[in-house]
Amino acid sequence: MTRIALLCSLLSFSWTAVAAAAEWRMDPAASRLEFSARYQGEPAPGKFKQFDTRLNFDPAHPAKSELIVKVTMTSFDMDSAEINDAVRGPEWFDLAKFTHAEFHSTDIQRAATDHFVARGMLNLKGVQRAVEVPFSWKADGKNATMSGELTLDRTAFGIGTGEWATGDPIALAVKVNFNVRLQPGS
């Protein structure tokens, strides 16, 4: 094999290794997606039991990244059968029509050391809005964790309509927290 052919093979192998290392898949058992609204000033927490995160990410070159989060809306749980039944209806999540939500970003930028912002579109209850998702990044060899928090105005997505459209008794702001454990993808 000539030196040029050997060099081309090594460069090709190196590029493949870098590209594969940048693909991340979520470990569902070690990941969580939670939210908290406020009802009459008291926390009203909930979680989504089923969601998936796919990330193509190199922290040294975040601008070439892509983040896709798909949430199975029917997997929400607010730890109360009565509240869960009410939130399924058209005034809230309208799960008969909208069973999934998705966030998609191809614009990820460094905010500080190990802190990034993913700018993209959130499609929730049939409404699409631009959203910024700040997150921290921690890699430990083969695994990584991305975690963060953002606040959404529920009415921007038509969640809580009619008598529920005001901030009383249920606040308009909803905090979303996530902690996603990632493994190299294949």
N, C-alpha and C. Protein backbone atom coordinates (compact mmCIF):
# COMPACT_ATOMS: atom_id res chain seq x y z
N MET A 1 0.85 -1.17 0.00
CA MET A 1 0.00 0.00 0.00
C MET A 1 0.90 1.24 0.00
N THR A 2 0.59 2.16 -0.86
CA THR A 2 1.40 3.38 -0.93
C THR A 2 1.13 4.25 0.29
N ARG A 3 2.04 5.19 0.53
CA ARG A 3 1.88 6.09 1.68
C ARG A 3 0.61 6.92 1.56
N ILE A 4 0.29 7.38 0.35
CA ILE A 4 -0.90 8.21 0.15
C ILE A 4 -2.16 7.38 0.43
N ALA A 5 -2.20 6.16 -0.05
CA ALA A 5 -3.36 5.30 0.21
C ALA A 5 -3.48 5.01 1.70
N LEU A 6 -2.36 4.76 2.36
CA LEU A 6 -2.37 4.51 3.80
C LEU A 6 -2.86 5.74 4.56
N LEU A 7 -2.37 6.93 4.17
CA LEU A 7 -2.79 8.17 4.80
C LEU A 7 -4.29 8.39 4.60
N CYS A 8 -4.79 8.17 3.40
CA CYS A 8 -6.22 8.32 3.11
C CYS A 8 -7.05 7.34 3.95
N SER A 9 -6.58 6.13 4.10
CA SER A 9 -7.29 5.14 4.92
C SER A 9 -7.34 5.58 6.37
N LEU A 10 -6.21 6.07 6.90
CA LEU A 10 -6.17 6.52 8.28
C LEU A 10 -7.08 7.73 8.50
N LEU A 11 -7.07 8.67 7.57
CA LEU A 11 -7.94 9.84 7.69
C LEU A 11 -9.40 9.43 7.62
N SER A 12 -9.72 8.51 6.75
CA SER A 12 -11.09 8.02 6.63
C SER A 12 -11.52 7.34 7.92
N PHE A 13 -10.66 6.52 8.49
CA PHE A 13 -10.96 5.83 9.75
C PHE A 13 -11.14 6.86 10.87
N SER A 14 -10.28 7.86 10.93
CA SER A 14 -10.37 8.87 11.97
C SER A 14 -11.68 9.64 11.86
N TRP A 15 -12.06 10.03 10.65
CA TRP A 15 -13.31 10.77 10.46
C TRP A 15 -14.51 9.93 10.89
N THR A 16 -14.52 8.64 10.54
CA THR A 16 -15.60 7.75 10.92
C THR A 16 -15.68 7.63 12.44
N ALA A 17 -14.55 7.51 13.10
CA ALA A 17 -14.54 7.38 14.56
C ALA A 17 -15.07 8.65 15.22
N VAL A 18 -14.69 9.82 14.70
CA VAL A 18 -15.17 11.07 15.27
C VAL A 18 -16.67 11.20 15.06
N ALA A 19 -17.15 10.90 13.85
CA ALA A 19 -18.57 11.03 13.56
C ALA A 19 -19.39 10.08 14.43
N ALA A 20 -18.94 8.85 14.60
CA ALA A 20 -19.67 7.89 15.42
C ALA A 20 -19.67 8.31 16.88
N ALA A 21 -18.58 8.89 17.36
CA ALA A 21 -18.50 9.30 18.76
C ALA A 21 -19.45 10.45 19.05
N ALA A 22 -19.83 11.22 18.03
CA ALA A 22 -20.70 12.37 18.24
C ALA A 22 -22.18 11.99 18.28
N GLU A 23 -22.52 10.76 17.92
CA GLU A 23 -23.91 10.31 17.95
C GLU A 23 -24.23 9.73 19.31
N TRP A 24 -25.29 10.24 19.95
CA TRP A 24 -25.67 9.82 21.28
C TRP A 24 -27.12 9.35 21.30
N ARG A 25 -27.38 8.29 22.07
CA ARG A 25 -28.73 7.75 22.26
C ARG A 25 -29.05 7.76 23.75
N MET A 26 -30.29 8.01 24.07
CA MET A 26 -30.72 8.09 25.46
C MET A 26 -30.82 6.72 26.11
N ASP A 27 -30.42 6.66 27.37
CA ASP A 27 -30.65 5.50 28.22
C ASP A 27 -31.96 5.77 28.96
N PRO A 28 -33.08 5.16 28.54
CA PRO A 28 -34.38 5.49 29.12
C PRO A 28 -34.47 5.22 30.62
N ALA A 29 -33.83 4.17 31.10
CA ALA A 29 -33.91 3.81 32.52
C ALA A 29 -33.22 4.84 33.42
N ALA A 30 -32.26 5.57 32.88
CA ALA A 30 -31.48 6.52 33.69
C ALA A 30 -31.82 7.98 33.36
N SER A 31 -32.91 8.21 32.64
CA SER A 31 -33.26 9.57 32.19
C SER A 31 -34.63 9.97 32.74
N ARG A 32 -34.81 11.29 32.92
CA ARG A 32 -36.10 11.77 33.41
C ARG A 32 -36.47 13.09 32.73
N LEU A 33 -37.78 13.27 32.56
CA LEU A 33 -38.35 14.50 32.01
C LEU A 33 -39.53 14.87 32.90
N GLU A 34 -39.38 15.97 33.65
CA GLU A 34 -40.38 16.36 34.63
C GLU A 34 -40.85 17.79 34.37
N PHE A 35 -42.03 18.12 34.92
CA PHE A 35 -42.53 19.48 34.80
C PHE A 35 -43.20 19.85 36.11
N SER A 36 -43.34 21.15 36.34
CA SER A 36 -44.01 21.60 37.55
C SER A 36 -44.77 22.89 37.25
N ALA A 37 -46.07 22.81 37.46
CA ALA A 37 -46.92 23.99 37.39
C ALA A 37 -47.19 24.42 38.84
N ARG A 38 -47.94 25.47 38.99
CA ARG A 38 -48.32 25.90 40.35
C ARG A 38 -49.85 26.04 40.39
N TYR A 39 -50.46 25.37 41.37
CA TYR A 39 -51.90 25.44 41.58
C TYR A 39 -52.14 26.13 42.91
N GLN A 40 -52.80 27.29 42.87
CA GLN A 40 -53.05 28.11 44.05
C GLN A 40 -51.76 28.35 44.84
N GLY A 41 -50.68 28.60 44.10
CA GLY A 41 -49.40 28.91 44.70
C GLY A 41 -48.59 27.71 45.14
N GLU A 42 -49.17 26.52 45.09
CA GLU A 42 -48.47 25.30 45.52
C GLU A 42 -47.96 24.54 44.30
N PRO A 43 -46.82 23.86 44.42
CA PRO A 43 -46.29 23.08 43.30
C PRO A 43 -47.25 21.96 42.88
N ALA A 44 -47.37 21.77 41.58
CA ALA A 44 -48.16 20.69 41.00
C ALA A 44 -47.25 19.95 40.02
N PRO A 45 -46.43 19.02 40.53
CA PRO A 45 -45.43 18.36 39.69
C PRO A 45 -46.01 17.22 38.86
N GLY A 46 -45.29 16.92 37.80
CA GLY A 46 -45.64 15.80 36.95
C GLY A 46 -44.41 15.32 36.19
N LYS A 47 -44.59 14.25 35.45
CA LYS A 47 -43.48 13.71 34.66
C LYS A 47 -44.02 13.01 33.42
N PHE A 48 -43.13 12.84 32.47
CA PHE A 48 -43.42 12.05 31.28
C PHE A 48 -42.61 10.77 31.41
N LYS A 49 -43.29 9.64 31.35
CA LYS A 49 -42.62 8.36 31.54
C LYS A 49 -41.96 7.85 30.27
N GLN A 50 -42.41 8.34 29.12
CA GLN A 50 -41.85 7.89 27.85
C GLN A 50 -41.44 9.08 26.99
N PHE A 51 -40.16 9.11 26.68
CA PHE A 51 -39.63 10.12 25.76
C PHE A 51 -38.32 9.58 25.22
N ASP A 52 -37.87 10.17 24.14
CA ASP A 52 -36.63 9.72 23.51
C ASP A 52 -35.81 10.94 23.10
N THR A 53 -34.52 10.87 23.35
CA THR A 53 -33.60 11.95 22.98
C THR A 53 -32.53 11.40 22.06
N ARG A 54 -32.35 12.04 20.93
CA ARG A 54 -31.28 11.70 19.99
C ARG A 54 -30.43 12.95 19.83
N LEU A 55 -29.13 12.78 19.95
CA LEU A 55 -28.24 13.92 19.91
C LEU A 55 -27.02 13.59 19.07
N ASN A 56 -26.72 14.44 18.12
CA ASN A 56 -25.48 14.37 17.37
C ASN A 56 -24.70 15.59 17.82
N PHE A 57 -23.66 15.37 18.65
CA PHE A 57 -23.08 16.48 19.38
C PHE A 57 -21.59 16.29 19.62
N ASP A 58 -20.85 17.32 19.32
CA ASP A 58 -19.44 17.40 19.66
C ASP A 58 -19.28 18.71 20.42
N PRO A 59 -19.00 18.67 21.74
CA PRO A 59 -18.93 19.90 22.51
C PRO A 59 -17.86 20.88 22.01
N ALA A 60 -16.86 20.37 21.30
CA ALA A 60 -15.84 21.26 20.74
C ALA A 60 -16.35 22.01 19.51
N HIS A 61 -17.38 21.45 18.87
CA HIS A 61 -17.97 22.06 17.66
C HIS A 61 -19.50 21.98 17.75
N PRO A 62 -20.10 22.70 18.69
CA PRO A 62 -21.55 22.56 18.90
C PRO A 62 -22.41 23.04 17.73
N ALA A 63 -21.88 23.94 16.90
CA ALA A 63 -22.68 24.47 15.79
C ALA A 63 -23.03 23.40 14.76
N LYS A 64 -22.31 22.29 14.76
CA LYS A 64 -22.58 21.22 13.80
C LYS A 64 -23.44 20.12 14.43
N SER A 65 -24.22 20.47 15.43
CA SER A 65 -24.98 19.49 16.21
C SER A 65 -26.45 19.48 15.85
N GLU A 66 -27.13 18.42 16.30
CA GLU A 66 -28.57 18.28 16.12
C GLU A 66 -29.15 17.57 17.34
N LEU A 67 -30.28 18.09 17.83
CA LEU A 67 -30.97 17.51 18.98
C LEU A 67 -32.43 17.28 18.61
N ILE A 68 -32.90 16.07 18.86
CA ILE A 68 -34.30 15.73 18.63
C ILE A 68 -34.83 15.06 19.89
N VAL A 69 -35.90 15.63 20.44
CA VAL A 69 -36.55 15.05 21.62
C VAL A 69 -38.00 14.77 21.23
N LYS A 70 -38.43 13.52 21.39
CA LYS A 70 -39.81 13.14 21.12
C LYS A 70 -40.43 12.67 22.43
N VAL A 71 -41.59 13.25 22.75
CA VAL A 71 -42.27 12.95 24.01
C VAL A 71 -43.61 12.29 23.70
N THR A 72 -43.86 11.16 24.35
CA THR A 72 -45.16 10.51 24.27
C THR A 72 -46.04 11.19 25.32
N MET A 73 -46.91 12.07 24.86
CA MET A 73 -47.71 12.89 25.77
C MET A 73 -48.65 12.05 26.64
N THR A 74 -49.10 10.93 26.11
CA THR A 74 -50.00 10.06 26.86
C THR A 74 -49.31 9.40 28.04
N SER A 75 -48.00 9.55 28.16
CA SER A 75 -47.26 8.93 29.28
C SER A 75 -47.12 9.86 30.47
N PHE A 76 -47.81 11.02 30.45
CA PHE A 76 -47.66 11.96 31.56
C PHE A 76 -48.31 11.38 32.82
N ASP A 77 -47.81 11.83 33.96
CA ASP A 77 -48.37 11.39 35.24
C ASP A 77 -48.19 12.51 36.26
N MET A 78 -49.30 12.95 36.84
CA MET A 78 -49.25 13.98 37.88
C MET A 78 -49.58 13.38 39.24
N ASP A 79 -49.48 12.07 39.34
CA ASP A 79 -49.66 11.34 40.59
C ASP A 79 -51.05 11.52 41.20
N SER A 80 -52.05 11.70 40.34
CA SER A 80 -53.44 11.82 40.77
C SER A 80 -54.32 11.40 39.61
N ALA A 81 -55.11 10.35 39.80
CA ALA A 81 -55.99 9.87 38.73
C ALA A 81 -56.96 10.96 38.29
N GLU A 82 -57.49 11.74 39.23
CA GLU A 82 -58.44 12.80 38.91
C GLU A 82 -57.80 13.88 38.04
N ILE A 83 -56.60 14.32 38.43
CA ILE A 83 -55.90 15.35 37.64
C ILE A 83 -55.49 14.78 36.29
N ASN A 84 -54.98 13.56 36.28
CA ASN A 84 -54.57 12.93 35.01
C ASN A 84 -55.74 12.87 34.03
N ASP A 85 -56.93 12.50 34.50
CA ASP A 85 -58.11 12.43 33.62
C ASP A 85 -58.48 13.81 33.10
N ALA A 86 -58.44 14.82 33.95
CA ALA A 86 -58.81 16.18 33.54
C ALA A 86 -57.84 16.74 32.51
N VAL A 87 -56.56 16.48 32.70
CA VAL A 87 -55.53 17.04 31.82
C VAL A 87 -55.54 16.38 30.43
N ARG A 88 -56.14 15.22 30.30
CA ARG A 88 -56.24 14.54 29.00
C ARG A 88 -57.18 15.27 28.04
N GLY A 89 -58.09 16.07 28.56
CA GLY A 89 -59.15 16.69 27.78
C GLY A 89 -58.69 17.81 26.86
N PRO A 90 -59.61 18.29 26.00
CA PRO A 90 -59.29 19.31 24.99
C PRO A 90 -58.80 20.64 25.56
N GLU A 91 -59.21 21.01 26.77
CA GLU A 91 -58.76 22.27 27.34
C GLU A 91 -57.29 22.21 27.76
N TRP A 92 -56.77 21.02 27.94
CA TRP A 92 -55.38 20.86 28.39
C TRP A 92 -54.54 20.23 27.29
N PHE A 93 -54.14 18.97 27.41
CA PHE A 93 -53.26 18.34 26.42
C PHE A 93 -54.01 17.84 25.18
N ASP A 94 -55.31 17.63 25.26
CA ASP A 94 -56.13 17.12 24.15
C ASP A 94 -55.49 15.87 23.55
N LEU A 95 -55.33 14.86 24.39
CA LEU A 95 -54.61 13.64 23.99
C LEU A 95 -55.34 12.81 22.95
N ALA A 96 -56.62 13.06 22.73
CA ALA A 96 -57.32 12.36 21.65
C ALA A 96 -56.78 12.79 20.29
N LYS A 97 -56.26 14.01 20.19
CA LYS A 97 -55.73 14.54 18.93
C LYS A 97 -54.20 14.62 18.91
N PHE A 98 -53.59 14.89 20.05
CA PHE A 98 -52.14 15.17 20.08
C PHE A 98 -51.43 14.23 21.06
N THR A 99 -50.95 13.13 20.55
CA THR A 99 -50.34 12.11 21.41
C THR A 99 -48.83 12.29 21.59
N HIS A 100 -48.22 13.14 20.74
CA HIS A 100 -46.77 13.33 20.81
C HIS A 100 -46.41 14.81 20.73
N ALA A 101 -45.28 15.13 21.29
CA ALA A 101 -44.67 16.46 21.16
C ALA A 101 -43.24 16.25 20.70
N GLU A 102 -42.67 17.25 20.03
CA GLU A 102 -41.29 17.11 19.53
C GLU A 102 -40.56 18.44 19.57
N PHE A 103 -39.30 18.37 20.00
CA PHE A 103 -38.39 19.50 19.94
C PHE A 103 -37.28 19.13 18.98
N HIS A 104 -36.96 20.03 18.04
CA HIS A 104 -35.91 19.77 17.05
C HIS A 104 -35.02 21.00 16.94
N SER A 105 -33.71 20.79 17.13
CA SER A 105 -32.76 21.89 17.05
C SER A 105 -31.55 21.50 16.21
N THR A 106 -31.16 22.40 15.33
CA THR A 106 -29.89 22.27 14.61
C THR A 106 -29.01 23.48 14.90
N ASP A 107 -29.39 24.24 15.93
CA ASP A 107 -28.66 25.44 16.33
C ASP A 107 -28.27 25.32 17.81
N ILE A 108 -27.13 24.73 18.07
CA ILE A 108 -26.63 24.58 19.44
C ILE A 108 -25.37 25.41 19.58
N GLN A 109 -25.35 26.25 20.61
CA GLN A 109 -24.20 27.14 20.82
C GLN A 109 -23.72 27.05 22.26
N ARG A 110 -22.43 27.27 22.43
CA ARG A 110 -21.82 27.27 23.76
C ARG A 110 -22.23 28.55 24.48
N ALA A 111 -22.67 28.41 25.74
CA ALA A 111 -23.00 29.56 26.57
C ALA A 111 -21.89 29.82 27.59
N ALA A 112 -21.25 28.77 28.06
CA ALA A 112 -20.14 28.84 29.02
C ALA A 112 -19.49 27.46 29.00
N THR A 113 -18.45 27.28 29.78
CA THR A 113 -17.80 25.98 29.83
C THR A 113 -18.82 24.92 30.25
N ASP A 114 -18.97 23.90 29.43
CA ASP A 114 -19.91 22.78 29.67
C ASP A 114 -21.37 23.21 29.76
N HIS A 115 -21.71 24.39 29.25
CA HIS A 115 -23.10 24.86 29.21
C HIS A 115 -23.40 25.33 27.78
N PHE A 116 -24.56 24.90 27.30
CA PHE A 116 -24.94 25.16 25.91
C PHE A 116 -26.40 25.60 25.85
N VAL A 117 -26.80 26.12 24.70
CA VAL A 117 -28.18 26.48 24.44
C VAL A 117 -28.56 25.89 23.09
N ALA A 118 -29.64 25.10 23.09
CA ALA A 118 -30.18 24.54 21.85
C ALA A 118 -31.39 25.39 21.46
N ARG A 119 -31.32 26.03 20.30
CA ARG A 119 -32.43 26.83 19.79
C ARG A 119 -33.13 26.01 18.71
N GLY A 120 -34.45 25.88 18.86
CA GLY A 120 -35.17 25.09 17.89
C GLY A 120 -36.66 25.30 18.00
N MET A 121 -37.40 24.38 17.38
CA MET A 121 -38.85 24.46 17.35
C MET A 121 -39.45 23.38 18.22
N LEU A 122 -40.39 23.78 19.07
CA LEU A 122 -41.16 22.85 19.88
C LEU A 122 -42.55 22.75 19.28
N ASN A 123 -42.94 21.55 18.94
CA ASN A 123 -44.28 21.29 18.44
C ASN A 123 -45.05 20.59 19.56
N LEU A 124 -46.00 21.30 20.14
CA LEU A 124 -46.76 20.81 21.29
C LEU A 124 -48.23 21.16 21.08
N LYS A 125 -49.07 20.16 21.14
CA LYS A 125 -50.52 20.33 20.96
C LYS A 125 -50.83 21.02 19.63
N GLY A 126 -50.07 20.68 18.60
CA GLY A 126 -50.30 21.21 17.27
C GLY A 126 -49.81 22.63 17.05
N VAL A 127 -49.16 23.21 18.05
CA VAL A 127 -48.63 24.57 17.96
C VAL A 127 -47.11 24.49 17.91
N GLN A 128 -46.53 25.21 16.98
CA GLN A 128 -45.07 25.21 16.84
C GLN A 128 -44.52 26.57 17.22
N ARG A 129 -43.57 26.56 18.18
CA ARG A 129 -42.96 27.80 18.66
C ARG A 129 -41.46 27.63 18.78
N ALA A 130 -40.74 28.74 18.57
CA ALA A 130 -39.29 28.74 18.79
C ALA A 130 -39.04 28.72 20.29
N VAL A 131 -38.11 27.87 20.69
CA VAL A 131 -37.78 27.69 22.11
C VAL A 131 -36.27 27.58 22.26
N GLU A 132 -35.75 28.12 23.36
CA GLU A 132 -34.34 27.95 23.71
C GLU A 132 -34.25 27.00 24.90
N VAL A 133 -33.44 25.97 24.74
CA VAL A 133 -33.27 24.97 25.79
C VAL A 133 -31.83 25.02 26.30
N PRO A 134 -31.60 25.61 27.47
CA PRO A 134 -30.25 25.62 28.04
C PRO A 134 -29.95 24.26 28.67
N PHE A 135 -28.71 23.81 28.54
CA PHE A 135 -28.35 22.53 29.17
C PHE A 135 -26.88 22.50 29.53
N SER A 136 -26.59 21.70 30.53
CA SER A 136 -25.19 21.45 30.90
C SER A 136 -24.81 20.08 30.34
N TRP A 137 -23.53 19.90 30.10
CA TRP A 137 -23.01 18.68 29.47
C TRP A 137 -21.88 18.13 30.33
N LYS A 138 -22.00 16.87 30.69
CA LYS A 138 -20.94 16.20 31.44
C LYS A 138 -20.68 14.84 30.80
N ALA A 139 -19.47 14.64 30.35
CA ALA A 139 -19.09 13.36 29.74
C ALA A 139 -18.09 12.67 30.66
N ASP A 140 -18.25 11.37 30.80
CA ASP A 140 -17.35 10.59 31.64
C ASP A 140 -16.94 9.31 30.92
N GLY A 141 -16.09 9.49 29.93
CA GLY A 141 -15.67 8.32 29.15
C GLY A 141 -16.70 7.96 28.10
N LYS A 142 -17.37 6.83 28.30
CA LYS A 142 -18.32 6.36 27.30
C LYS A 142 -19.71 6.97 27.42
N ASN A 143 -20.06 7.52 28.57
CA ASN A 143 -21.40 8.06 28.79
C ASN A 143 -21.36 9.57 28.95
N ALA A 144 -22.53 10.17 28.84
CA ALA A 144 -22.65 11.62 29.03
C ALA A 144 -24.01 11.91 29.64
N THR A 145 -24.11 13.08 30.24
CA THR A 145 -25.38 13.53 30.81
C THR A 145 -25.63 14.96 30.35
N MET A 146 -26.83 15.20 29.87
CA MET A 146 -27.26 16.57 29.60
C MET A 146 -28.44 16.85 30.53
N SER A 147 -28.37 17.99 31.20
CA SER A 147 -29.44 18.34 32.13
C SER A 147 -29.71 19.83 32.05
N GLY A 148 -30.94 20.18 32.40
CA GLY A 148 -31.28 21.59 32.35
C GLY A 148 -32.71 21.85 32.78
N GLU A 149 -33.06 23.13 32.69
CA GLU A 149 -34.39 23.58 33.07
C GLU A 149 -34.78 24.75 32.17
N LEU A 150 -36.03 24.78 31.80
CA LEU A 150 -36.57 25.92 31.07
C LEU A 150 -37.98 26.18 31.53
N THR A 151 -38.47 27.36 31.27
CA THR A 151 -39.84 27.73 31.65
C THR A 151 -40.62 28.04 30.39
N LEU A 152 -41.80 27.43 30.30
CA LEU A 152 -42.70 27.65 29.16
C LEU A 152 -43.98 28.32 29.64
N ASP A 153 -44.55 29.15 28.79
CA ASP A 153 -45.88 29.72 29.03
C ASP A 153 -46.87 28.73 28.42
N ARG A 154 -47.65 28.07 29.25
CA ARG A 154 -48.54 27.02 28.77
C ARG A 154 -49.56 27.53 27.76
N THR A 155 -49.98 28.80 27.89
CA THR A 155 -50.99 29.33 26.98
C THR A 155 -50.44 29.57 25.57
N ALA A 156 -49.13 29.68 25.43
CA ALA A 156 -48.53 29.84 24.10
C ALA A 156 -48.75 28.60 23.25
N PHE A 157 -49.06 27.48 23.90
CA PHE A 157 -49.31 26.21 23.19
C PHE A 157 -50.76 25.77 23.32
N GLY A 158 -51.63 26.66 23.78
CA GLY A 158 -53.04 26.32 23.91
C GLY A 158 -53.32 25.31 25.01
N ILE A 159 -52.49 25.30 26.04
CA ILE A 159 -52.68 24.37 27.15
C ILE A 159 -53.31 25.14 28.30
N GLY A 160 -54.52 24.72 28.66
CA GLY A 160 -55.28 25.44 29.67
C GLY A 160 -56.08 26.54 29.03
N THR A 161 -57.11 26.18 28.29
CA THR A 161 -57.94 27.16 27.60
C THR A 161 -59.22 27.39 28.39
N GLY A 162 -60.08 28.25 27.84
CA GLY A 162 -61.36 28.54 28.50
C GLY A 162 -61.13 29.16 29.86
N GLU A 163 -61.81 28.65 30.87
CA GLU A 163 -61.70 29.20 32.22
C GLU A 163 -60.30 29.05 32.81
N TRP A 164 -59.45 28.21 32.20
CA TRP A 164 -58.11 27.96 32.71
C TRP A 164 -57.05 28.84 32.04
N ALA A 165 -57.46 29.74 31.16
CA ALA A 165 -56.50 30.55 30.40
C ALA A 165 -55.85 31.68 31.21
N THR A 166 -56.39 31.98 32.37
CA THR A 166 -55.77 33.00 33.21
C THR A 166 -54.74 32.34 34.13
N GLY A 167 -54.00 33.12 34.84
CA GLY A 167 -52.99 32.58 35.75
C GLY A 167 -53.54 32.21 37.11
N ASP A 168 -54.87 32.19 37.25
CA ASP A 168 -55.48 31.87 38.54
C ASP A 168 -56.58 30.85 38.33
N PRO A 169 -56.59 29.72 38.94
CA PRO A 169 -55.73 29.29 40.05
C PRO A 169 -54.46 28.56 39.60
N ILE A 170 -54.32 28.32 38.28
CA ILE A 170 -53.13 27.60 37.79
C ILE A 170 -52.23 28.59 37.06
N ALA A 171 -50.99 28.72 37.53
CA ALA A 171 -50.04 29.67 36.96
C ALA A 171 -49.79 29.38 35.48
N LEU A 172 -49.45 30.42 34.74
CA LEU A 172 -49.17 30.28 33.31
C LEU A 172 -47.80 29.65 33.05
N ALA A 173 -46.84 29.93 33.92
CA ALA A 173 -45.48 29.42 33.75
C ALA A 173 -45.38 27.97 34.22
N VAL A 174 -44.76 27.15 33.39
CA VAL A 174 -44.52 25.75 33.72
C VAL A 174 -43.03 25.49 33.59
N LYS A 175 -42.42 25.00 34.66
CA LYS A 175 -40.99 24.67 34.62
C LYS A 175 -40.83 23.25 34.11
N VAL A 176 -39.89 23.08 33.20
CA VAL A 176 -39.58 21.76 32.65
C VAL A 176 -38.14 21.45 33.04
N ASN A 177 -37.94 20.30 33.68
CA ASN A 177 -36.61 19.85 34.09
C ASN A 177 -36.29 18.54 33.39
N PHE A 178 -35.03 18.39 33.00
CA PHE A 178 -34.63 17.13 32.37
C PHE A 178 -33.23 16.75 32.82
N ASN A 179 -33.02 15.46 32.87
CA ASN A 179 -31.72 14.89 33.16
C ASN A 179 -31.64 13.64 32.28
N VAL A 180 -30.86 13.72 31.23
CA VAL A 180 -30.83 12.67 30.21
C VAL A 180 -29.45 12.02 30.20
N ARG A 181 -29.44 10.73 30.44
CA ARG A 181 -28.20 9.94 30.39
C ARG A 181 -28.06 9.42 28.96
N LEU A 182 -26.90 9.64 28.37
CA LEU A 182 -26.67 9.30 26.98
C LEU A 182 -25.53 8.30 26.84
N GLN A 183 -25.65 7.47 25.82
CA GLN A 183 -24.61 6.52 25.46
C GLN A 183 -24.27 6.69 23.99
N PRO A 184 -23.06 6.34 23.59
CA PRO A 184 -22.72 6.46 22.17
C PRO A 184 -23.71 5.67 21.31
N GLY A 185 -24.14 6.28 20.21
CA GLY A 185 -25.09 5.62 19.31
C GLY A 185 -24.37 4.69 18.35
N SER A 186 -25.19 3.96 17.62
CA SER A 186 -24.62 3.04 16.63
C SER A 186 -25.05 3.41 15.24
